[in-house]
C-alpha atoms as a PDB file:
ATOM      1  CA  MET A   1     -94.472   0.305  86.709  1.00  0.00           C
ATOM      2  CA  PHE A   2     -94.796  -3.219  88.466  1.00  0.00           C
ATOM      3  CA  ASP A   3     -97.311  -5.547  88.680  1.00  0.00           C
ATOM      4  CA  VAL A   4     -98.101  -6.842  92.411  1.00  0.00           C
ATOM      5  CA  GLY A   5     -98.762 -10.302  92.175  1.00  0.00           C
ATOM      6  CA  GLU A   6     -95.770 -12.735  91.215  1.00  0.00           C
ATOM      7  CA  THR A   7     -93.917  -9.982  90.340  1.00  0.00           C
ATOM      8  CA  LEU A   8     -93.266  -8.185  93.366  1.00  0.00           C
ATOM      9  CA  VAL A   9     -94.854 -10.898  95.968  1.00  0.00           C
ATOM     10  CA  ASP A  10     -94.072 -14.610  95.952  1.00  0.00           C
ATOM     11  CA  GLU A  11     -97.464 -16.503  96.308  1.00  0.00           C
ATOM     12  CA  THR A  12     -96.061 -19.254  96.955  1.00  0.00           C
ATOM     13  CA  ARG A  13     -97.096 -19.505 101.001  1.00  0.00           C
ATOM     14  CA  ILE A  14    -100.752 -18.184  99.958  1.00  0.00           C
ATOM     15  CA  PHE A  15    -101.225 -21.072  97.618  1.00  0.00           C
ATOM     16  CA  GLU A  16    -100.402 -23.055 100.855  1.00  0.00           C
ATOM     17  CA  ARG A  17    -102.066 -21.616 102.559  1.00  0.00           C
ATOM     18  CA  TRP A  18    -105.424 -21.957 100.404  1.00  0.00           C
ATOM     19  CA  ALA A  19    -104.218 -26.013 100.176  1.00  0.00           C
ATOM     20  CA  ASP A  20    -103.979 -26.542 103.665  1.00  0.00           C
ATOM     21  CA  ARG A  21    -107.501 -24.824 104.005  1.00  0.00           C
ATOM     22  CA  PHE A  22    -108.996 -28.059 102.071  1.00  0.00           C
ATOM     23  CA  GLY A  23    -106.921 -30.184 103.185  1.00  0.00           C
ATOM     24  CA  ILE A  24    -105.195 -30.903  99.938  1.00  0.00           C
ATOM     25  CA  PRO A  25    -101.195 -32.012  99.703  1.00  0.00           C
ATOM     26  CA  HIS A  26     -99.086 -29.595  99.042  1.00  0.00           C
ATOM     27  CA  MET A  27     -97.853 -31.407  95.431  1.00  0.00           C
ATOM     28  CA  ALA A  28    -100.556 -32.271  94.845  1.00  0.00           C
ATOM     29  CA  PHE A  29    -102.235 -28.585  94.600  1.00  0.00           C
ATOM     30  CA  PHE A  30     -99.763 -26.894  92.557  1.00  0.00           C
ATOM     31  CA  GLY A  31     -99.216 -29.943  90.417  1.00  0.00           C
ATOM     32  CA  THR A  32    -103.603 -29.433  89.145  1.00  0.00           C
ATOM     33  CA  ILE A  33    -102.815 -26.077  89.146  1.00  0.00           C
ATOM     34  CA  GLY A  34    -100.649 -26.053  87.119  1.00  0.00           C
ATOM     35  CA  GLY A  35    -101.509 -28.964  84.832  1.00  0.00           C
ATOM     36  CA  VAL A  36    -104.542 -27.084  83.914  1.00  0.00           C
ATOM     37  CA  LEU A  37    -102.858 -22.874  83.467  1.00  0.00           C
ATOM     38  CA  ALA A  38    -100.719 -25.586  80.805  1.00  0.00           C
ATOM     39  CA  SER A  39    -103.252 -26.636  79.574  1.00  0.00           C
ATOM     40  CA  GLY A  40    -105.312 -22.810  78.541  1.00  0.00           C
ATOM     41  CA  GLY A  41    -107.242 -23.506  82.052  1.00  0.00           C
ATOM     42  CA  THR A  42    -107.488 -20.720  84.518  1.00  0.00           C
ATOM     43  CA  LEU A  43    -106.414 -20.637  88.435  1.00  0.00           C
ATOM     44  CA  THR A  44    -110.249 -21.175  88.651  1.00  0.00           C
ATOM     45  CA  ASP A  45    -110.597 -24.130  86.269  1.00  0.00           C
ATOM     46  CA  GLY A  46    -107.876 -25.667  88.983  1.00  0.00           C
ATOM     47  CA  PHE A  47    -109.045 -24.394  91.938  1.00  0.00           C
ATOM     48  CA  ARG A  48    -112.775 -25.660  90.905  1.00  0.00           C
ATOM     49  CA  LEU A  49    -110.584 -29.096  89.522  1.00  0.00           C
ATOM     50  CA  LEU A  50    -109.889 -30.137  93.954  1.00  0.00           C
ATOM     51  CA  VAL A  51    -113.219 -27.962  95.189  1.00  0.00           C
ATOM     52  CA  PRO A  52    -116.090 -28.405  92.890  1.00  0.00           C
ATOM     53  CA  GLY A  53    -118.243 -25.812  92.597  1.00  0.00           C
ATOM     54  CA  PHE A  54    -115.796 -23.827  94.495  1.00  0.00           C
ATOM     55  CA  ASP A  55    -117.035 -19.997  94.473  1.00  0.00           C
ATOM     56  CA  LEU A  56    -114.001 -17.812  95.165  1.00  0.00           C
ATOM     57  CA  ALA A  57    -115.920 -14.512  96.652  1.00  0.00           C
ATOM     58  CA  ALA A  58    -118.200 -16.776  98.831  1.00  0.00           C
ATOM     59  CA  GLU A  59    -115.451 -18.462  99.932  1.00  0.00           C
ATOM     60  CA  SER A  60    -113.085 -15.597 101.092  1.00  0.00           C
ATOM     61  CA  ALA A  61    -115.717 -14.568 102.767  1.00  0.00           C
ATOM     62  CA  LEU A  62    -116.820 -17.382 105.115  1.00  0.00           C
ATOM     63  CA  TRP A  63    -112.947 -17.530 105.505  1.00  0.00           C
ATOM     64  CA  ARG A  64    -112.695 -14.261 106.714  1.00  0.00           C
ATOM     65  CA  ALA A  65    -116.067 -14.849 109.136  1.00  0.00           C
ATOM     66  CA  GLU A  66    -113.916 -17.799 110.752  1.00  0.00           C
ATOM     67  CA  ASP A  67    -110.117 -16.282 110.371  1.00  0.00           C
ATOM     68  CA  PRO A  68    -110.937 -12.739 110.824  1.00  0.00           C
ATOM     69  CA  ASP A  69    -107.667 -12.317 111.993  1.00  0.00           C
ATOM     70  CA  GLY A  70    -105.121 -14.072 109.894  1.00  0.00           C
ATOM     71  CA  GLU A  71    -103.619 -14.164 106.919  1.00  0.00           C
ATOM     72  CA  ARG A  72    -106.084 -15.857 104.752  1.00  0.00           C
ATOM     73  CA  GLU A  73    -104.857 -14.989 101.533  1.00  0.00           C
ATOM     74  CA  HIS A  74    -103.766 -12.171 101.604  1.00  0.00           C
ATOM     75  CA  PHE A  75     -99.456 -11.543 101.397  1.00  0.00           C
ATOM     76  CA  GLY A  76     -97.139  -9.408 103.775  1.00  0.00           C
ATOM     77  CA  GLU A  77     -93.059  -7.918 104.345  1.00  0.00           C
ATOM     78  CA  GLY A  78     -92.040 -11.866 104.354  1.00  0.00           C
ATOM     79  CA  ASP A  79     -93.588 -12.875 101.489  1.00  0.00           C
ATOM     80  CA  LEU A  80     -91.876  -9.895  99.190  1.00  0.00           C
ATOM     81  CA  TYR A  81     -89.650 -11.174  96.831  1.00  0.00           C
ATOM     82  CA  PRO A  82     -85.684 -10.586  97.915  1.00  0.00           C
ATOM     83  CA  ASP A  83     -84.672  -8.087  94.960  1.00  0.00           C
ATOM     84  CA  VAL A  84     -87.487  -6.133  95.541  1.00  0.00           C
ATOM     85  CA  ARG A  85     -86.252  -3.981  97.911  1.00  0.00           C
ATOM     86  CA  PRO A  86     -82.169  -3.519  96.708  1.00  0.00           C
ATOM     87  CA  ALA A  87     -83.280  -2.753  93.135  1.00  0.00           C
ATOM     88  CA  PHE A  88     -85.638  -0.971  93.780  1.00  0.00           C
ATOM     89  CA  ALA A  89     -83.016   1.147  95.562  1.00  0.00           C
ATOM     90  CA  THR A  90     -80.578   0.736  92.608  1.00  0.00           C
ATOM     91  CA  MET A  91     -83.400   1.802  89.973  1.00  0.00           C
ATOM     92  CA  ARG A  92     -84.609   5.350  92.531  1.00  0.00           C
ATOM     93  CA  GLU A  93     -80.602   6.166  92.392  1.00  0.00           C
ATOM     94  CA  ALA A  94     -80.972   6.011  88.381  1.00  0.00           C
ATOM     95  CA  GLY A  95     -83.377   8.857  88.797  1.00  0.00           C
ATOM     96  CA  LEU A  96     -86.385   6.591  88.139  1.00  0.00           C
ATOM     97  CA  SER A  97     -89.568   6.956  89.131  1.00  0.00           C
ATOM     98  CA  LEU A  98     -91.391   3.648  90.563  1.00  0.00           C
ATOM     99  CA  VAL A  99     -95.323   2.863  91.159  1.00  0.00           C
ATOM    100  CA  ILE A 100     -97.323  -0.036  91.770  1.00  0.00           C
ATOM    101  CA  ALA A 101    -100.354  -0.789  90.148  1.00  0.00           C
ATOM    102  CA  GLY A 102    -101.940  -4.232  89.805  1.00  0.00           C
ATOM    103  CA  ASN A 103    -105.186  -6.418  90.327  1.00  0.00           C
ATOM    104  CA  GLN A 104    -105.224  -6.439  93.554  1.00  0.00           C
ATOM    105  CA  PRO A 105    -108.552  -6.460  96.977  1.00  0.00           C
ATOM    106  CA  PRO A 106    -108.183  -3.371  99.250  1.00  0.00           C
ATOM    107  CA  GLU A 107    -106.519  -5.053 101.766  1.00  0.00           C
ATOM    108  CA  ALA A 108    -103.602  -4.472  99.108  1.00  0.00           C
ATOM    109  CA  GLY A 109    -103.397  -0.652  99.387  1.00  0.00           C
ATOM    110  CA  PRO A 110    -102.197  -0.576 102.657  1.00  0.00           C
ATOM    111  CA  THR A 111    -100.050  -3.718 102.882  1.00  0.00           C
ATOM    112  CA  LEU A 112     -97.961  -2.378 100.119  1.00  0.00           C
ATOM    113  CA  THR A 113     -97.962   1.235 101.276  1.00  0.00           C
ATOM    114  CA  ALA A 114     -96.687   0.247 105.139  1.00  0.00           C
ATOM    115  CA  MET A 115     -93.438  -1.281 103.453  1.00  0.00           C
ATOM    116  CA  ASP A 116     -92.203   1.515 102.419  1.00  0.00           C
ATOM    117  CA  LEU A 117     -90.849   0.936  98.869  1.00  0.00           C
ATOM    118  CA  GLY A 118     -89.556   3.649  97.906  1.00  0.00           C
ATOM    119  CA  VAL A 119     -93.286   4.210  95.881  1.00  0.00           C
ATOM    120  CA  ASP A 120     -94.007   6.928  94.145  1.00  0.00           C
ATOM    121  CA  GLY A 121     -97.811   5.911  94.005  1.00  0.00           C
ATOM    122  CA  ILE A 122    -100.244   2.649  94.331  1.00  0.00           C
ATOM    123  CA  GLY A 123    -103.031   1.528  92.097  1.00  0.00           C
ATOM    124  CA  ILE A 124    -105.009  -1.087  93.351  1.00  0.00           C
ATOM    125  CA  SER A 125    -108.004  -2.778  90.936  1.00  0.00           C
ATOM    126  CA  ASP A 126    -110.663  -2.986  93.299  1.00  0.00           C
ATOM    127  CA  ASP A 127    -110.355   0.501  94.574  1.00  0.00           C
ATOM    128  CA  TRP A 128    -110.481   1.623  91.142  1.00  0.00           C
ATOM    129  CA  GLY A 129    -112.842  -0.379  90.227  1.00  0.00           C
ATOM    130  CA  VAL A 130    -111.421  -1.625  86.622  1.00  0.00           C
ATOM    131  CA  LYS A 131    -108.725  -4.394  86.718  1.00  0.00           C
ATOM    132  CA  LYS A 132    -106.949  -6.158  84.488  1.00  0.00           C
ATOM    133  CA  PRO A 133    -106.822  -6.793  80.937  1.00  0.00           C
ATOM    134  CA  GLU A 134    -109.291  -4.279  80.830  1.00  0.00           C
ATOM    135  CA  PRO A 135    -107.972  -0.967  78.912  1.00  0.00           C
ATOM    136  CA  GLU A 136    -109.306   1.685  81.302  1.00  0.00           C
ATOM    137  CA  PHE A 137    -107.032   0.514  83.831  1.00  0.00           C
ATOM    138  CA  PHE A 138    -104.355   1.253  81.728  1.00  0.00           C
ATOM    139  CA  ASP A 139    -105.449   4.508  81.603  1.00  0.00           C
ATOM    140  CA  ARG A 140    -105.373   4.536  84.845  1.00  0.00           C
ATOM    141  CA  VAL A 141    -101.728   3.813  84.707  1.00  0.00           C
ATOM    142  CA  LEU A 142    -100.665   6.385  82.981  1.00  0.00           C
ATOM    143  CA  SER A 143    -102.829   8.893  85.052  1.00  0.00           C
ATOM    144  CA  LEU A 144    -101.256   7.189  87.863  1.00  0.00           C
ATOM    145  CA  ALA A 145     -97.918   7.695  86.201  1.00  0.00           C
ATOM    146  CA  ARG A 146     -98.385  11.365  85.253  1.00  0.00           C
ATOM    147  CA  THR A 147     -98.190  12.032  88.913  1.00  0.00           C
ATOM    148  CA  ALA A 148     -94.764  11.330  89.756  1.00  0.00           C
ATOM    149  CA  ARG A 149     -93.954  12.444  86.104  1.00  0.00           C
ATOM    150  CA  PRO A 150     -96.653  14.717  85.298  1.00  0.00           C
ATOM    151  CA  GLY A 151     -96.199  15.232  80.906  1.00  0.00           C
ATOM    152  CA  LEU A 152     -95.183  11.454  81.441  1.00  0.00           C
ATOM    153  CA  THR A 153     -96.247   9.577  77.804  1.00  0.00           C
ATOM    154  CA  PRO A 154     -97.158   5.840  77.536  1.00  0.00           C
ATOM    155  CA  GLU A 155     -94.165   4.959  75.553  1.00  0.00           C
ATOM    156  CA  GLU A 156     -91.931   6.207  78.327  1.00  0.00           C
ATOM    157  CA  ILE A 157     -93.351   3.851  81.055  1.00  0.00           C
ATOM    158  CA  VAL A 158     -92.477   0.515  81.094  1.00  0.00           C
ATOM    159  CA  TYR A 159     -95.180  -2.154  82.438  1.00  0.00           C
ATOM    160  CA  VAL A 160     -93.211  -5.327  84.604  1.00  0.00           C
ATOM    161  CA  GLY A 161     -95.668  -7.978  85.360  1.00  0.00           C
ATOM    162  CA  ASP A 162     -95.662 -12.063  84.681  1.00  0.00           C
ATOM    163  CA  ARG A 163     -98.103 -12.510  82.265  1.00  0.00           C
ATOM    164  CA  VAL A 164     -98.416 -12.558  78.704  1.00  0.00           C
ATOM    165  CA  ASP A 165    -102.632 -11.930  78.693  1.00  0.00           C
ATOM    166  CA  ASN A 166    -103.060  -9.007  81.735  1.00  0.00           C
ATOM    167  CA  ASP A 167     -99.839  -7.339  81.457  1.00  0.00           C
ATOM    168  CA  VAL A 168     -97.405  -7.290  78.300  1.00  0.00           C
ATOM    169  CA  LEU A 169    -100.101  -7.306  75.598  1.00  0.00           C
ATOM    170  CA  PRO A 170    -102.844  -4.950  76.975  1.00  0.00           C
ATOM    171  CA  ALA A 171     -99.945  -2.433  78.180  1.00  0.00           C
ATOM    172  CA  ARG A 172     -98.324  -2.914  74.775  1.00  0.00           C
ATOM    173  CA  ASP A 173    -101.980  -1.765  73.436  1.00  0.00           C
ATOM    174  CA  ALA A 174    -101.790   0.872  75.681  1.00  0.00           C
ATOM    175  CA  GLY A 175     -98.991   2.357  74.309  1.00  0.00           C
ATOM    176  CA  MET A 176     -96.076   1.349  76.723  1.00  0.00           C
ATOM    177  CA  ARG A 177     -92.811  -0.652  76.985  1.00  0.00           C
ATOM    178  CA  THR A 178     -93.221  -3.790  78.279  1.00  0.00           C
ATOM    179  CA  VAL A 179     -91.384  -6.724  80.546  1.00  0.00           C
ATOM    180  CA  LEU A 180     -92.494 -10.130  81.117  1.00  0.00           C
ATOM    181  CA  LEU A 181     -90.810 -11.564  84.360  1.00  0.00           C
ATOM    182  CA  ARG A 182     -89.811 -15.612  83.792  1.00  0.00           C
ATOM    183  CA  ARG A 183     -91.499 -15.692  87.732  1.00  0.00           C
ATOM    184  CA  GLY A 184     -94.242 -17.196  88.811  1.00  0.00           C
ATOM    185  CA  VAL A 185     -96.996 -20.006  88.277  1.00  0.00           C
ATOM    186  CA  PHE A 186     -98.202 -17.535  85.374  1.00  0.00           C
ATOM    187  CA  GLY A 187     -94.253 -16.389  84.357  1.00  0.00           C
ATOM    188  CA  TYR A 188     -92.849 -19.361  83.433  1.00  0.00           C
ATOM    189  CA  ARG A 189     -95.123 -21.108  81.707  1.00  0.00           C
ATOM    190  CA  HIS A 190     -95.998 -17.571  79.481  1.00  0.00           C
ATOM    191  CA  ALA A 191     -92.541 -16.864  79.520  1.00  0.00           C
ATOM    192  CA  ALA A 192     -92.594 -19.689  76.421  1.00  0.00           C
ATOM    193  CA  THR A 193     -94.976 -19.137  74.294  1.00  0.00           C
ATOM    194  CA  GLU A 194     -95.413 -16.693  71.320  1.00  0.00           C
ATOM    195  CA  ASP A 195     -96.188 -14.126  71.963  1.00  0.00           C
ATOM    196  CA  ALA A 196     -93.908 -13.685  74.927  1.00  0.00           C
ATOM    197  CA  SER A 197     -91.881 -12.251  72.322  1.00  0.00           C
ATOM    198  CA  ARG A 198     -94.249  -9.289  71.631  1.00  0.00           C
ATOM    199  CA  ALA A 199     -92.604  -7.594  75.101  1.00  0.00           C
ATOM    200  CA  ASP A 200     -89.843  -4.913  75.365  1.00  0.00           C
ATOM    201  CA  ALA A 201     -87.403  -8.164  77.037  1.00  0.00           C
ATOM    202  CA  VAL A 202     -88.391 -11.128  79.136  1.00  0.00           C
ATOM    203  CA  LEU A 203     -85.898 -11.208  82.122  1.00  0.00           C
ATOM    204  CA  ASP A 204     -85.672 -13.425  84.780  1.00  0.00           C
ATOM    205  CA  ASP A 205     -85.465 -10.897  88.118  1.00  0.00           C
ATOM    206  CA  LEU A 206     -85.342  -7.649  89.267  1.00  0.00           C
ATOM    207  CA  HIS A 207     -81.928  -6.891  88.666  1.00  0.00           C
ATOM    208  CA  GLN A 208     -81.913  -7.859  85.300  1.00  0.00           C
ATOM    209  CA  LEU A 209     -84.779  -4.932  85.035  1.00  0.00           C
ATOM    210  CA  ALA A 210     -82.238  -2.475  86.686  1.00  0.00           C
ATOM    211  CA  ASP A 211     -79.590  -3.457  84.164  1.00  0.00           C
ATOM    212  CA  TRP A 212     -81.906  -3.237  81.108  1.00  0.00           C
ATOM    213  CA  ILE A 213     -83.628  -0.426  82.303  1.00  0.00           C
ATOM    214  CA  ALA A 214     -79.461   1.631  82.695  1.00  0.00           C
ATOM    215  CA  ARG A 215     -78.471  -0.326  79.301  1.00  0.00           C
ATOM    216  CA  GLN A 216     -81.691   1.271  77.438  1.00  0.00           C
ATOM    217  CA  ASN A 217     -80.945   4.738  78.253  1.00  0.00           C
END
């Protein structure tokens, strides 16, 4: 079971478009966001430091109205990490069921479906009406996984994500095994925290994940 942002999708271009929208140099934008996260703040805190009064819902709606056909804060095929397709192929050949479930807007579902990644299901938080780290999200994860493997138990699921707070800890509380990916604006930071040790593994990419699962099995 895979998270989306910074697990499957490189969000660099999305953040660059946000920086360009506000006329902020990329280095200043990324450095400020990183500094806020390192001090315990959130992405929203970082945006508001750069853009006082920032409101994501309002700004997204305005951006959509101004550029309805643009990429805006969405991702596409070109944003997939290069290890996704080959590592997915390796894991499918090993007999694994692959499912995607993450905190994403409704547009993410059709986009992921069109990529034809060979997964057995896709779950999107905005479609479900519940998001990570809420326990109900992981109840939905289990139900989605069971559409591919009826009777599956939580401990037979490995939830893969780039965050301790949204991925590792709540998935572990739901009885699942967890892998923390060390990539993305959260991944490197979270991999260096004490709570990272609560993941079953901390890995750098999906090829390492395929190898790790093969050893576990």
